[in-house]
Amino acid sequence: FEGSSLETITHMVASGMGVTVVPGLSVPAEPQTHLRFIPFAAPVPTR
């Protein structure tokens, strides 16, 4: 599925639509109730 912004996509993920990949700086500092952020195993992709 496609979304117009990372914020929209993460809301869709939280609702159970699927998973996504996000840049590290977009990860909220506070824990999210319905969302989890998991690191990649090495080699970790970067930009």
All heavy atoms as atom14 arrays in JSON, in Angstrom:
{
  "sequence": "FEGSSLETITHMVASGMGVTVVPGLSVPAEPQTHLRFIPFAAPVPTR",
  "atom14_mask": [
    [1, 1, 1, 1, 1, 1, 1, 1, 1, 1, 1, 0, 0, 0],
    [1, 1, 1, 1, 1, 1, 1, 1, 1, 0, 0, 0, 0, 0],
    [1, 1, 1, 1, 0, 0, 0, 0, 0, 0, 0, 0, 0, 0],
    [1, 1, 1, 1, 1, 1, 0, 0, 0, 0, 0, 0, 0, 0],
    [1, 1, 1, 1, 1, 1, 0, 0, 0, 0, 0, 0, 0, 0],
    [1, 1, 1, 1, 1, 1, 1, 1, 0, 0, 0, 0, 0, 0],
    [1, 1, 1, 1, 1, 1, 1, 1, 1, 0, 0, 0, 0, 0],
    [1, 1, 1, 1, 1, 1, 1, 0, 0, 0, 0, 0, 0, 0],
    [1, 1, 1, 1, 1, 1, 1, 1, 0, 0, 0, 0, 0, 0],
    [1, 1, 1, 1, 1, 1, 1, 0, 0, 0, 0, 0, 0, 0],
    [1, 1, 1, 1, 1, 1, 1, 1, 1, 1, 0, 0, 0, 0],
    [1, 1, 1, 1, 1, 1, 1, 1, 0, 0, 0, 0, 0, 0],
    [1, 1, 1, 1, 1, 1, 1, 0, 0, 0, 0, 0, 0, 0],
    [1, 1, 1, 1, 1, 0, 0, 0, 0, 0, 0, 0, 0, 0],
    [1, 1, 1, 1, 1, 1, 0, 0, 0, 0, 0, 0, 0, 0],
    [1, 1, 1, 1, 0, 0, 0, 0, 0, 0, 0, 0, 0, 0],
    [1, 1, 1, 1, 1, 1, 1, 1, 0, 0, 0, 0, 0, 0],
    [1, 1, 1, 1, 0, 0, 0, 0, 0, 0, 0, 0, 0, 0],
    [1, 1, 1, 1, 1, 1, 1, 0, 0, 0, 0, 0, 0, 0],
    [1, 1, 1, 1, 1, 1, 1, 0, 0, 0, 0, 0, 0, 0],
    [1, 1, 1, 1, 1, 1, 1, 0, 0, 0, 0, 0, 0, 0],
    [1, 1, 1, 1, 1, 1, 1, 0, 0, 0, 0, 0, 0, 0],
    [1, 1, 1, 1, 1, 1, 1, 0, 0, 0, 0, 0, 0, 0],
    [1, 1, 1, 1, 0, 0, 0, 0, 0, 0, 0, 0, 0, 0],
    [1, 1, 1, 1, 1, 1, 1, 1, 0, 0, 0, 0, 0, 0],
    [1, 1, 1, 1, 1, 1, 0, 0, 0, 0, 0, 0, 0, 0],
    [1, 1, 1, 1, 1, 1, 1, 0, 0, 0, 0, 0, 0, 0],
    [1, 1, 1, 1, 1, 1, 1, 0, 0, 0, 0, 0, 0, 0],
    [1, 1, 1, 1, 1, 0, 0, 0, 0, 0, 0, 0, 0, 0],
    [1, 1, 1, 1, 1, 1, 1, 1, 1, 0, 0, 0, 0, 0],
    [1, 1, 1, 1, 1, 1, 1, 0, 0, 0, 0, 0, 0, 0],
    [1, 1, 1, 1, 1, 1, 1, 1, 1, 0, 0, 0, 0, 0],
    [1, 1, 1, 1, 1, 1, 1, 0, 0, 0, 0, 0, 0, 0],
    [1, 1, 1, 1, 1, 1, 1, 1, 1, 1, 0, 0, 0, 0],
    [1, 1, 1, 1, 1, 1, 1, 1, 0, 0, 0, 0, 0, 0],
    [1, 1, 1, 1, 1, 1, 1, 1, 1, 1, 1, 0, 0, 0],
    [1, 1, 1, 1, 1, 1, 1, 1, 1, 1, 1, 0, 0, 0],
    [1, 1, 1, 1, 1, 1, 1, 1, 0, 0, 0, 0, 0, 0],
    [1, 1, 1, 1, 1, 1, 1, 0, 0, 0, 0, 0, 0, 0],
    [1, 1, 1, 1, 1, 1, 1, 1, 1, 1, 1, 0, 0, 0],
    [1, 1, 1, 1, 1, 0, 0, 0, 0, 0, 0, 0, 0, 0],
    [1, 1, 1, 1, 1, 0, 0, 0, 0, 0, 0, 0, 0, 0],
    [1, 1, 1, 1, 1, 1, 1, 0, 0, 0, 0, 0, 0, 0],
    [1, 1, 1, 1, 1, 1, 1, 0, 0, 0, 0, 0, 0, 0],
    [1, 1, 1, 1, 1, 1, 1, 0, 0, 0, 0, 0, 0, 0],
    [1, 1, 1, 1, 1, 1, 1, 0, 0, 0, 0, 0, 0, 0],
    [1, 1, 1, 1, 1, 1, 1, 1, 1, 1, 1, 0, 0, 0]
  ],
  "atom14_positions": [
    [[0.85, -1.18, 0.0], [0.0, 0.0, 0.0], [0.89, 1.23, 0.0], [2.03, 1.2, 0.45], [-0.91, 0.01, 1.24], [-1.88, -1.14, 1.29], [-1.58, -2.28, 1.99], [-3.1, -1.05, 0.64], [-2.47, -3.35, 2.05], [-4.0, -2.11, 0.69], [-3.68, -3.26, 1.39], [0.0, 0.0, 0.0], [0.0, 0.0, 0.0], [0.0, 0.0, 0.0]],
    [[0.34, 2.35, -0.48], [1.1, 3.59, -0.52], [0.43, 4.63, 0.36], [-0.79, 4.66, 0.5], [1.21, 4.12, -1.96], [2.02, 3.23, -2.87], [2.23, 3.85, -4.23], [1.78, 4.98, -4.45], [2.86, 3.2, -5.07], [0.0, 0.0, 0.0], [0.0, 0.0, 0.0], [0.0, 0.0, 0.0], [0.0, 0.0, 0.0], [0.0, 0.0, 0.0]],
    [[1.24, 5.52, 0.93], [0.74, 6.63, 1.73], [1.41, 7.92, 1.31], [2.47, 7.91, 0.69], [0.0, 0.0, 0.0], [0.0, 0.0, 0.0], [0.0, 0.0, 0.0], [0.0, 0.0, 0.0], [0.0, 0.0, 0.0], [0.0, 0.0, 0.0], [0.0, 0.0, 0.0], [0.0, 0.0, 0.0], [0.0, 0.0, 0.0], [0.0, 0.0, 0.0]],
    [[0.8, 9.05, 1.66], [1.31, 10.34, 1.22], [2.38, 10.9, 2.15], [3.15, 11.77, 1.76], [0.15, 11.36, 1.12], [-0.49, 11.47, 2.39], [0.0, 0.0, 0.0], [0.0, 0.0, 0.0], [0.0, 0.0, 0.0], [0.0, 0.0, 0.0], [0.0, 0.0, 0.0], [0.0, 0.0, 0.0], [0.0, 0.0, 0.0], [0.0, 0.0, 0.0]],
    [[2.45, 10.42, 3.39], [3.45, 10.91, 4.34], [3.8, 9.81, 5.32], [3.04, 8.84, 5.52], [2.92, 12.13, 5.1], [1.9, 11.75, 6.01], [0.0, 0.0, 0.0], [0.0, 0.0, 0.0], [0.0, 0.0, 0.0], [0.0, 0.0, 0.0], [0.0, 0.0, 0.0], [0.0, 0.0, 0.0], [0.0, 0.0, 0.0], [0.0, 0.0, 0.0]],
    [[4.96, 9.96, 5.97], [5.36, 8.97, 6.97], [4.38, 8.93, 8.13], [4.11, 7.87, 8.7], [6.77, 9.28, 7.48], [7.94, 8.96, 6.54], [9.24, 9.41, 7.16], [7.98, 7.46, 6.23], [0.0, 0.0, 0.0], [0.0, 0.0, 0.0], [0.0, 0.0, 0.0], [0.0, 0.0, 0.0], [0.0, 0.0, 0.0], [0.0, 0.0, 0.0]],
    [[3.84, 10.1, 8.5], [2.87, 10.16, 9.6], [1.63, 9.33, 9.26], [1.13, 8.56, 10.09], [2.47, 11.61, 9.9], [3.57, 12.44, 10.55], [4.57, 12.97, 9.55], [4.4, 12.7, 8.34], [5.53, 13.64, 9.97], [0.0, 0.0, 0.0], [0.0, 0.0, 0.0], [0.0, 0.0, 0.0], [0.0, 0.0, 0.0], [0.0, 0.0, 0.0]],
    [[1.13, 9.5, 8.02], [-0.05, 8.73, 7.61], [0.24, 7.24, 7.63], [-0.56, 6.43, 8.1], [-0.48, 9.16, 6.19], [-0.81, 10.55, 6.19], [-1.69, 8.37, 5.71], [0.0, 0.0, 0.0], [0.0, 0.0, 0.0], [0.0, 0.0, 0.0], [0.0, 0.0, 0.0], [0.0, 0.0, 0.0], [0.0, 0.0, 0.0], [0.0, 0.0, 0.0]],
    [[1.41, 6.87, 7.11], [1.76, 5.45, 7.04], [1.88, 4.84, 8.44], [1.4, 3.73, 8.69], [3.07, 5.28, 6.25], [2.81, 5.49, 4.76], [3.66, 3.88, 6.48], [4.04, 5.41, 3.91], [0.0, 0.0, 0.0], [0.0, 0.0, 0.0], [0.0, 0.0, 0.0], [0.0, 0.0, 0.0], [0.0, 0.0, 0.0], [0.0, 0.0, 0.0]],
    [[2.51, 5.56, 9.38], [2.66, 4.99, 10.72], [1.31, 4.86, 11.42], [1.11, 3.92, 12.21], [3.62, 5.83, 11.59], [3.21, 7.21, 11.56], [5.05, 5.72, 11.08], [0.0, 0.0, 0.0], [0.0, 0.0, 0.0], [0.0, 0.0, 0.0], [0.0, 0.0, 0.0], [0.0, 0.0, 0.0], [0.0, 0.0, 0.0], [0.0, 0.0, 0.0]],
    [[0.37, 5.75, 11.13], [-0.99, 5.58, 11.66], [-1.64, 4.31, 11.1], [-2.33, 3.58, 11.8], [-1.85, 6.8, 11.34], [-1.52, 8.01, 12.15], [-1.43, 7.97, 13.53], [-1.28, 9.3, 11.78], [-1.12, 9.19, 13.97], [-1.02, 10.0, 12.94], [0.0, 0.0, 0.0], [0.0, 0.0, 0.0], [0.0, 0.0, 0.0], [0.0, 0.0, 0.0]],
    [[-1.41, 4.06, 9.8], [-1.94, 2.85, 9.18], [-1.3, 1.6, 9.79], [-1.97, 0.59, 10.01], [-1.71, 2.9, 7.66], [-2.52, 3.97, 6.96], [-1.97, 4.25, 5.24], [-2.41, 2.69, 4.49], [0.0, 0.0, 0.0], [0.0, 0.0, 0.0], [0.0, 0.0, 0.0], [0.0, 0.0, 0.0], [0.0, 0.0, 0.0], [0.0, 0.0, 0.0]],
    [[-0.01, 1.68, 10.06], [0.68, 0.56, 10.71], [0.08, 0.31, 12.09], [-0.22, -0.83, 12.47], [2.2, 0.84, 10.82], [2.87, -0.2, 11.72], [2.85, 0.83, 9.45], [0.0, 0.0, 0.0], [0.0, 0.0, 0.0], [0.0, 0.0, 0.0], [0.0, 0.0, 0.0], [0.0, 0.0, 0.0], [0.0, 0.0, 0.0], [0.0, 0.0, 0.0]],
    [[-0.11, 1.38, 12.86], [-0.66, 1.24, 14.21], [-2.04, 0.59, 14.19], [-2.4, -0.15, 15.11], [-0.74, 2.61, 14.89], [0.0, 0.0, 0.0], [0.0, 0.0, 0.0], [0.0, 0.0, 0.0], [0.0, 0.0, 0.0], [0.0, 0.0, 0.0], [0.0, 0.0, 0.0], [0.0, 0.0, 0.0], [0.0, 0.0, 0.0], [0.0, 0.0, 0.0]],
    [[-2.8, 0.85, 13.12], [-4.15, 0.28, 13.03], [-4.14, -1.17, 12.55], [-5.2, -1.8, 12.47], [-5.01, 1.13, 12.09], [-4.57, 1.0, 10.75], [0.0, 0.0, 0.0], [0.0, 0.0, 0.0], [0.0, 0.0, 0.0], [0.0, 0.0, 0.0], [0.0, 0.0, 0.0], [0.0, 0.0, 0.0], [0.0, 0.0, 0.0], [0.0, 0.0, 0.0]],
    [[-2.94, -1.68, 12.21], [-2.84, -3.08, 11.84], [-2.82, -3.37, 10.36], [-2.96, -4.53, 9.94], [0.0, 0.0, 0.0], [0.0, 0.0, 0.0], [0.0, 0.0, 0.0], [0.0, 0.0, 0.0], [0.0, 0.0, 0.0], [0.0, 0.0, 0.0], [0.0, 0.0, 0.0], [0.0, 0.0, 0.0], [0.0, 0.0, 0.0], [0.0, 0.0, 0.0]],
    [[-2.6, -2.36, 9.53], [-2.62, -2.54, 8.08], [-1.38, -3.28, 7.55], [-1.41, -3.85, 6.48], [-2.71, -1.19, 7.38], [-4.08, -0.54, 7.47], [-5.27, -1.35, 6.39], [-4.61, -0.89, 4.78], [0.0, 0.0, 0.0], [0.0, 0.0, 0.0], [0.0, 0.0, 0.0], [0.0, 0.0, 0.0], [0.0, 0.0, 0.0], [0.0, 0.0, 0.0]],
    [[-0.28, -3.23, 8.28], [0.95, -3.86, 7.81], [2.14, -3.31, 8.57], [2.0, -2.8, 9.68], [0.0, 0.0, 0.0], [0.0, 0.0, 0.0], [0.0, 0.0, 0.0], [0.0, 0.0, 0.0], [0.0, 0.0, 0.0], [0.0, 0.0, 0.0], [0.0, 0.0, 0.0], [0.0, 0.0, 0.0], [0.0, 0.0, 0.0], [0.0, 0.0, 0.0]],
    [[3.31, -3.38, 7.95], [4.54, -2.85, 8.55], [5.14, -1.84, 7.58], [4.76, -1.77, 6.41], [5.56, -3.97, 8.87], [4.96, -4.98, 9.82], [6.05, -4.62, 7.59], [0.0, 0.0, 0.0], [0.0, 0.0, 0.0], [0.0, 0.0, 0.0], [0.0, 0.0, 0.0], [0.0, 0.0, 0.0], [0.0, 0.0, 0.0], [0.0, 0.0, 0.0]],
    [[6.12, -1.07, 8.06], [6.8, -0.13, 7.19], [8.23, 0.07, 7.68], [8.62, -0.43, 8.73], [6.05, 1.22, 7.12], [6.58, 1.98, 6.02], [6.22, 2.04, 8.39], [0.0, 0.0, 0.0], [0.0, 0.0, 0.0], [0.0, 0.0, 0.0], [0.0, 0.0, 0.0], [0.0, 0.0, 0.0], [0.0, 0.0, 0.0], [0.0, 0.0, 0.0]],
    [[8.99, 0.83, 6.91], [10.35, 1.2, 7.27], [10.41, 2.72, 7.35], [9.89, 3.41, 6.47], [11.37, 0.68, 6.23], [12.78, 1.17, 6.55], [11.33, -0.83, 6.15], [0.0, 0.0, 0.0], [0.0, 0.0, 0.0], [0.0, 0.0, 0.0], [0.0, 0.0, 0.0], [0.0, 0.0, 0.0], [0.0, 0.0, 0.0], [0.0, 0.0, 0.0]],
    [[11.01, 3.25, 8.42], [11.06, 4.7, 8.64], [12.5, 5.11, 8.92], [13.31, 4.31, 9.38], [10.15, 5.13, 9.81], [8.69, 4.79, 9.52], [10.59, 4.5, 11.12], [0.0, 0.0, 0.0], [0.0, 0.0, 0.0], [0.0, 0.0, 0.0], [0.0, 0.0, 0.0], [0.0, 0.0, 0.0], [0.0, 0.0, 0.0], [0.0, 0.0, 0.0]],
    [[12.84, 6.4, 8.69], [14.17, 6.89, 9.07], [14.27, 7.04, 10.59], [13.28, 7.32, 11.27], [14.26, 8.25, 8.36], [12.84, 8.67, 8.15], [12.05, 7.42, 7.99], [0.0, 0.0, 0.0], [0.0, 0.0, 0.0], [0.0, 0.0, 0.0], [0.0, 0.0, 0.0], [0.0, 0.0, 0.0], [0.0, 0.0, 0.0], [0.0, 0.0, 0.0]],
    [[15.47, 6.86, 11.11], [15.68, 6.84, 12.55], [15.19, 8.07, 13.29], [14.64, 7.96, 14.4], [0.0, 0.0, 0.0], [0.0, 0.0, 0.0], [0.0, 0.0, 0.0], [0.0, 0.0, 0.0], [0.0, 0.0, 0.0], [0.0, 0.0, 0.0], [0.0, 0.0, 0.0], [0.0, 0.0, 0.0], [0.0, 0.0, 0.0], [0.0, 0.0, 0.0]],
    [[15.37, 9.26, 12.71], [14.97, 10.49, 13.41], [13.46, 10.62, 13.57], [12.98, 11.41, 14.37], [15.5, 11.73, 12.68], [16.98, 12.05, 12.87], [17.33, 13.36, 12.17], [17.34, 12.15, 14.35], [0.0, 0.0, 0.0], [0.0, 0.0, 0.0], [0.0, 0.0, 0.0], [0.0, 0.0, 0.0], [0.0, 0.0, 0.0], [0.0, 0.0, 0.0]],
    [[12.69, 9.84, 12.79], [11.24, 9.93, 12.88], [10.67, 9.11, 14.03], [9.48, 9.22, 14.34], [10.59, 9.47, 11.57], [10.71, 8.06, 11.42], [0.0, 0.0, 0.0], [0.0, 0.0, 0.0], [0.0, 0.0, 0.0], [0.0, 0.0, 0.0], [0.0, 0.0, 0.0], [0.0, 0.0, 0.0], [0.0, 0.0, 0.0], [0.0, 0.0, 0.0]],
    [[11.51, 8.31, 14.68], [11.04, 7.47, 15.79], [10.77, 8.35, 17.01], [11.67, 9.06, 17.47], [12.07, 6.38, 16.13], [11.6, 5.56, 17.33], [12.31, 5.49, 14.92], [0.0, 0.0, 0.0], [0.0, 0.0, 0.0], [0.0, 0.0, 0.0], [0.0, 0.0, 0.0], [0.0, 0.0, 0.0], [0.0, 0.0, 0.0], [0.0, 0.0, 0.0]],
    [[9.54, 8.33, 17.55], [9.22, 9.18, 18.71], [10.06, 8.8, 19.93], [10.41, 7.63, 20.13], [7.73, 8.9, 18.96], [7.23, 8.27, 17.7], [8.39, 7.54, 17.1], [0.0, 0.0, 0.0], [0.0, 0.0, 0.0], [0.0, 0.0, 0.0], [0.0, 0.0, 0.0], [0.0, 0.0, 0.0], [0.0, 0.0, 0.0], [0.0, 0.0, 0.0]],
    [[10.36, 9.81, 20.74], [11.14, 9.56, 21.95], [10.33, 8.79, 22.98], [10.87, 7.97, 23.73], [11.62, 10.89, 22.54], [0.0, 0.0, 0.0], [0.0, 0.0, 0.0], [0.0, 0.0, 0.0], [0.0, 0.0, 0.0], [0.0, 0.0, 0.0], [0.0, 0.0, 0.0], [0.0, 0.0, 0.0], [0.0, 0.0, 0.0], [0.0, 0.0, 0.0]],
    [[9.01, 9.04, 23.02], [8.14, 8.37, 23.98], [7.58, 7.07, 23.39], [7.29, 7.0, 22.2], [6.99, 9.29, 24.36], [7.43, 10.6, 25.01], [8.14, 10.37, 26.34], [7.75, 9.44, 27.06], [9.1, 11.12, 26.62], [0.0, 0.0, 0.0], [0.0, 0.0, 0.0], [0.0, 0.0, 0.0], [0.0, 0.0, 0.0], [0.0, 0.0, 0.0]],
    [[7.41, 6.03, 24.22], [6.8, 4.78, 23.74], [5.4, 5.01, 23.2], [4.66, 5.85, 23.72], [6.76, 3.91, 25.01], [7.79, 4.5, 25.92], [7.8, 5.96, 25.64], [0.0, 0.0, 0.0], [0.0, 0.0, 0.0], [0.0, 0.0, 0.0], [0.0, 0.0, 0.0], [0.0, 0.0, 0.0], [0.0, 0.0, 0.0], [0.0, 0.0, 0.0]],
    [[5.04, 4.29, 22.14], [3.74, 4.43, 21.51], [2.84, 3.26, 21.91], [3.29, 2.11, 21.95], [3.89, 4.47, 19.99], [4.81, 5.58, 19.49], [4.26, 6.96, 19.78], [3.22, 7.35, 19.24], [4.96, 7.71, 20.63], [0.0, 0.0, 0.0], [0.0, 0.0, 0.0], [0.0, 0.0, 0.0], [0.0, 0.0, 0.0], [0.0, 0.0, 0.0]],
    [[1.58, 3.54, 22.17], [0.66, 2.51, 22.67], [0.45, 1.39, 21.66], [0.5, 0.2, 22.0], [-0.7, 3.14, 23.02], [-0.5, 4.19, 23.96], [-1.64, 2.1, 23.62], [0.0, 0.0, 0.0], [0.0, 0.0, 0.0], [0.0, 0.0, 0.0], [0.0, 0.0, 0.0], [0.0, 0.0, 0.0], [0.0, 0.0, 0.0], [0.0, 0.0, 0.0]],
    [[0.21, 1.76, 20.4], [-0.17, 0.76, 19.39], [0.92, 0.51, 18.35], [0.66, -0.14, 17.34], [-1.45, 1.21, 18.68], [-2.59, 1.46, 19.61], [-3.2, 0.45, 20.32], [-3.22, 2.61, 19.96], [-4.17, 0.95, 21.07], [-4.2, 2.26, 20.88], [0.0, 0.0, 0.0], [0.0, 0.0, 0.0], [0.0, 0.0, 0.0], [0.0, 0.0, 0.0]],
    [[2.12, 1.02, 18.6], [3.16, 0.97, 17.58], [4.48, 0.58, 18.23], [4.79, 1.01, 19.34], [3.27, 2.35, 16.91], [3.95, 2.49, 15.56], [3.24, 1.66, 14.5], [3.93, 3.97, 15.15], [0.0, 0.0, 0.0], [0.0, 0.0, 0.0], [0.0, 0.0, 0.0], [0.0, 0.0, 0.0], [0.0, 0.0, 0.0], [0.0, 0.0, 0.0]],
    [[5.25, -0.22, 17.51], [6.58, -0.58, 18.0], [7.61, -0.32, 16.9], [7.34, -0.54, 15.72], [6.63, -2.08, 18.39], [5.71, -2.44, 19.54], [6.15, -1.84, 20.86], [5.29, -2.28, 21.95], [4.19, -1.62, 22.33], [3.83, -0.52, 21.7], [3.47, -2.08, 23.34], [0.0, 0.0, 0.0], [0.0, 0.0, 0.0], [0.0, 0.0, 0.0]],
    [[8.8, 0.13, 17.31], [9.89, 0.4, 16.38], [11.03, -0.58, 16.7], [11.51, -0.62, 17.83], [10.36, 1.84, 16.49], [9.32, 2.84, 16.08], [8.47, 3.41, 17.03], [9.16, 3.19, 14.75], [7.5, 4.31, 16.65], [8.19, 4.09, 14.36], [7.35, 4.65, 15.32], [0.0, 0.0, 0.0], [0.0, 0.0, 0.0], [0.0, 0.0, 0.0]],
    [[11.43, -1.37, 15.7], [12.42, -2.43, 15.9], [13.62, -2.19, 14.99], [13.46, -1.95, 13.79], [11.81, -3.82, 15.59], [10.48, -4.01, 16.31], [12.78, -4.92, 15.98], [9.26, -3.78, 15.47], [0.0, 0.0, 0.0], [0.0, 0.0, 0.0], [0.0, 0.0, 0.0], [0.0, 0.0, 0.0], [0.0, 0.0, 0.0], [0.0, 0.0, 0.0]],
    [[14.84, -2.25, 15.53], [16.03, -2.04, 14.7], [16.2, -3.17, 13.68], [15.72, -4.28, 13.88], [17.18, -2.05, 15.71], [16.54, -1.85, 17.05], [15.17, -2.42, 16.95], [0.0, 0.0, 0.0], [0.0, 0.0, 0.0], [0.0, 0.0, 0.0], [0.0, 0.0, 0.0], [0.0, 0.0, 0.0], [0.0, 0.0, 0.0], [0.0, 0.0, 0.0]],
    [[16.91, -2.85, 12.59], [17.32, -3.87, 11.63], [18.5, -4.65, 12.2], [19.34, -4.12, 12.93], [17.76, -3.22, 10.32], [16.66, -2.99, 9.32], [15.99, -1.77, 9.29], [16.3, -3.97, 8.42], [14.98, -1.54, 8.37], [15.29, -3.76, 7.5], [14.63, -2.54, 7.47], [0.0, 0.0, 0.0], [0.0, 0.0, 0.0], [0.0, 0.0, 0.0]],
    [[18.57, -5.92, 11.84], [19.78, -6.7, 12.11], [20.87, -6.25, 11.15], [20.59, -5.74, 10.06], [19.49, -8.19, 11.94], [0.0, 0.0, 0.0], [0.0, 0.0, 0.0], [0.0, 0.0, 0.0], [0.0, 0.0, 0.0], [0.0, 0.0, 0.0], [0.0, 0.0, 0.0], [0.0, 0.0, 0.0], [0.0, 0.0, 0.0], [0.0, 0.0, 0.0]],
    [[22.12, -6.43, 11.54], [23.24, -6.05, 10.67], [23.22, -6.88, 9.38], [22.86, -8.06, 9.42], [24.55, -6.23, 11.41], [0.0, 0.0, 0.0], [0.0, 0.0, 0.0], [0.0, 0.0, 0.0], [0.0, 0.0, 0.0], [0.0, 0.0, 0.0], [0.0, 0.0, 0.0], [0.0, 0.0, 0.0], [0.0, 0.0, 0.0], [0.0, 0.0, 0.0]],
    [[23.56, -6.26, 8.25], [23.94, -4.86, 8.08], [22.72, -3.93, 8.07], [21.75, -4.2, 7.35], [24.64, -4.85, 6.71], [23.98, -5.97, 5.96], [23.66, -7.03, 6.99], [0.0, 0.0, 0.0], [0.0, 0.0, 0.0], [0.0, 0.0, 0.0], [0.0, 0.0, 0.0], [0.0, 0.0, 0.0], [0.0, 0.0, 0.0], [0.0, 0.0, 0.0]],
    [[22.79, -2.89, 8.88], [21.65, -1.98, 9.02], [21.62, -1.01, 7.83], [22.61, -0.33, 7.55], [21.77, -1.17, 10.33], [20.61, -0.19, 10.46], [21.81, -2.12, 11.53], [0.0, 0.0, 0.0], [0.0, 0.0, 0.0], [0.0, 0.0, 0.0], [0.0, 0.0, 0.0], [0.0, 0.0, 0.0], [0.0, 0.0, 0.0], [0.0, 0.0, 0.0]],
    [[20.51, -0.95, 7.09], [20.42, 0.02, 5.99], [20.38, 1.45, 6.52], [19.79, 1.72, 7.57], [19.11, -0.35, 5.29], [18.31, -1.07, 6.32], [19.29, -1.76, 7.22], [0.0, 0.0, 0.0], [0.0, 0.0, 0.0], [0.0, 0.0, 0.0], [0.0, 0.0, 0.0], [0.0, 0.0, 0.0], [0.0, 0.0, 0.0], [0.0, 0.0, 0.0]],
    [[21.02, 2.35, 5.82], [21.08, 3.76, 6.23], [20.94, 4.65, 5.0], [21.01, 4.18, 3.86], [22.41, 4.1, 6.92], [23.48, 3.91, 5.98], [22.65, 3.23, 8.15], [0.0, 0.0, 0.0], [0.0, 0.0, 0.0], [0.0, 0.0, 0.0], [0.0, 0.0, 0.0], [0.0, 0.0, 0.0], [0.0, 0.0, 0.0], [0.0, 0.0, 0.0]],
    [[20.75, 5.92, 5.26], [20.82, 6.93, 4.2], [21.74, 8.04, 4.66], [21.82, 8.34, 5.86], [19.44, 7.48, 3.86], [18.78, 8.31, 4.96], [17.49, 8.94, 4.47], [16.81, 9.7, 5.52], [15.68, 10.36, 5.35], [15.07, 10.35, 4.16], [15.12, 11.04, 6.33], [0.0, 0.0, 0.0], [0.0, 0.0, 0.0], [0.0, 0.0, 0.0]]
  ]
}
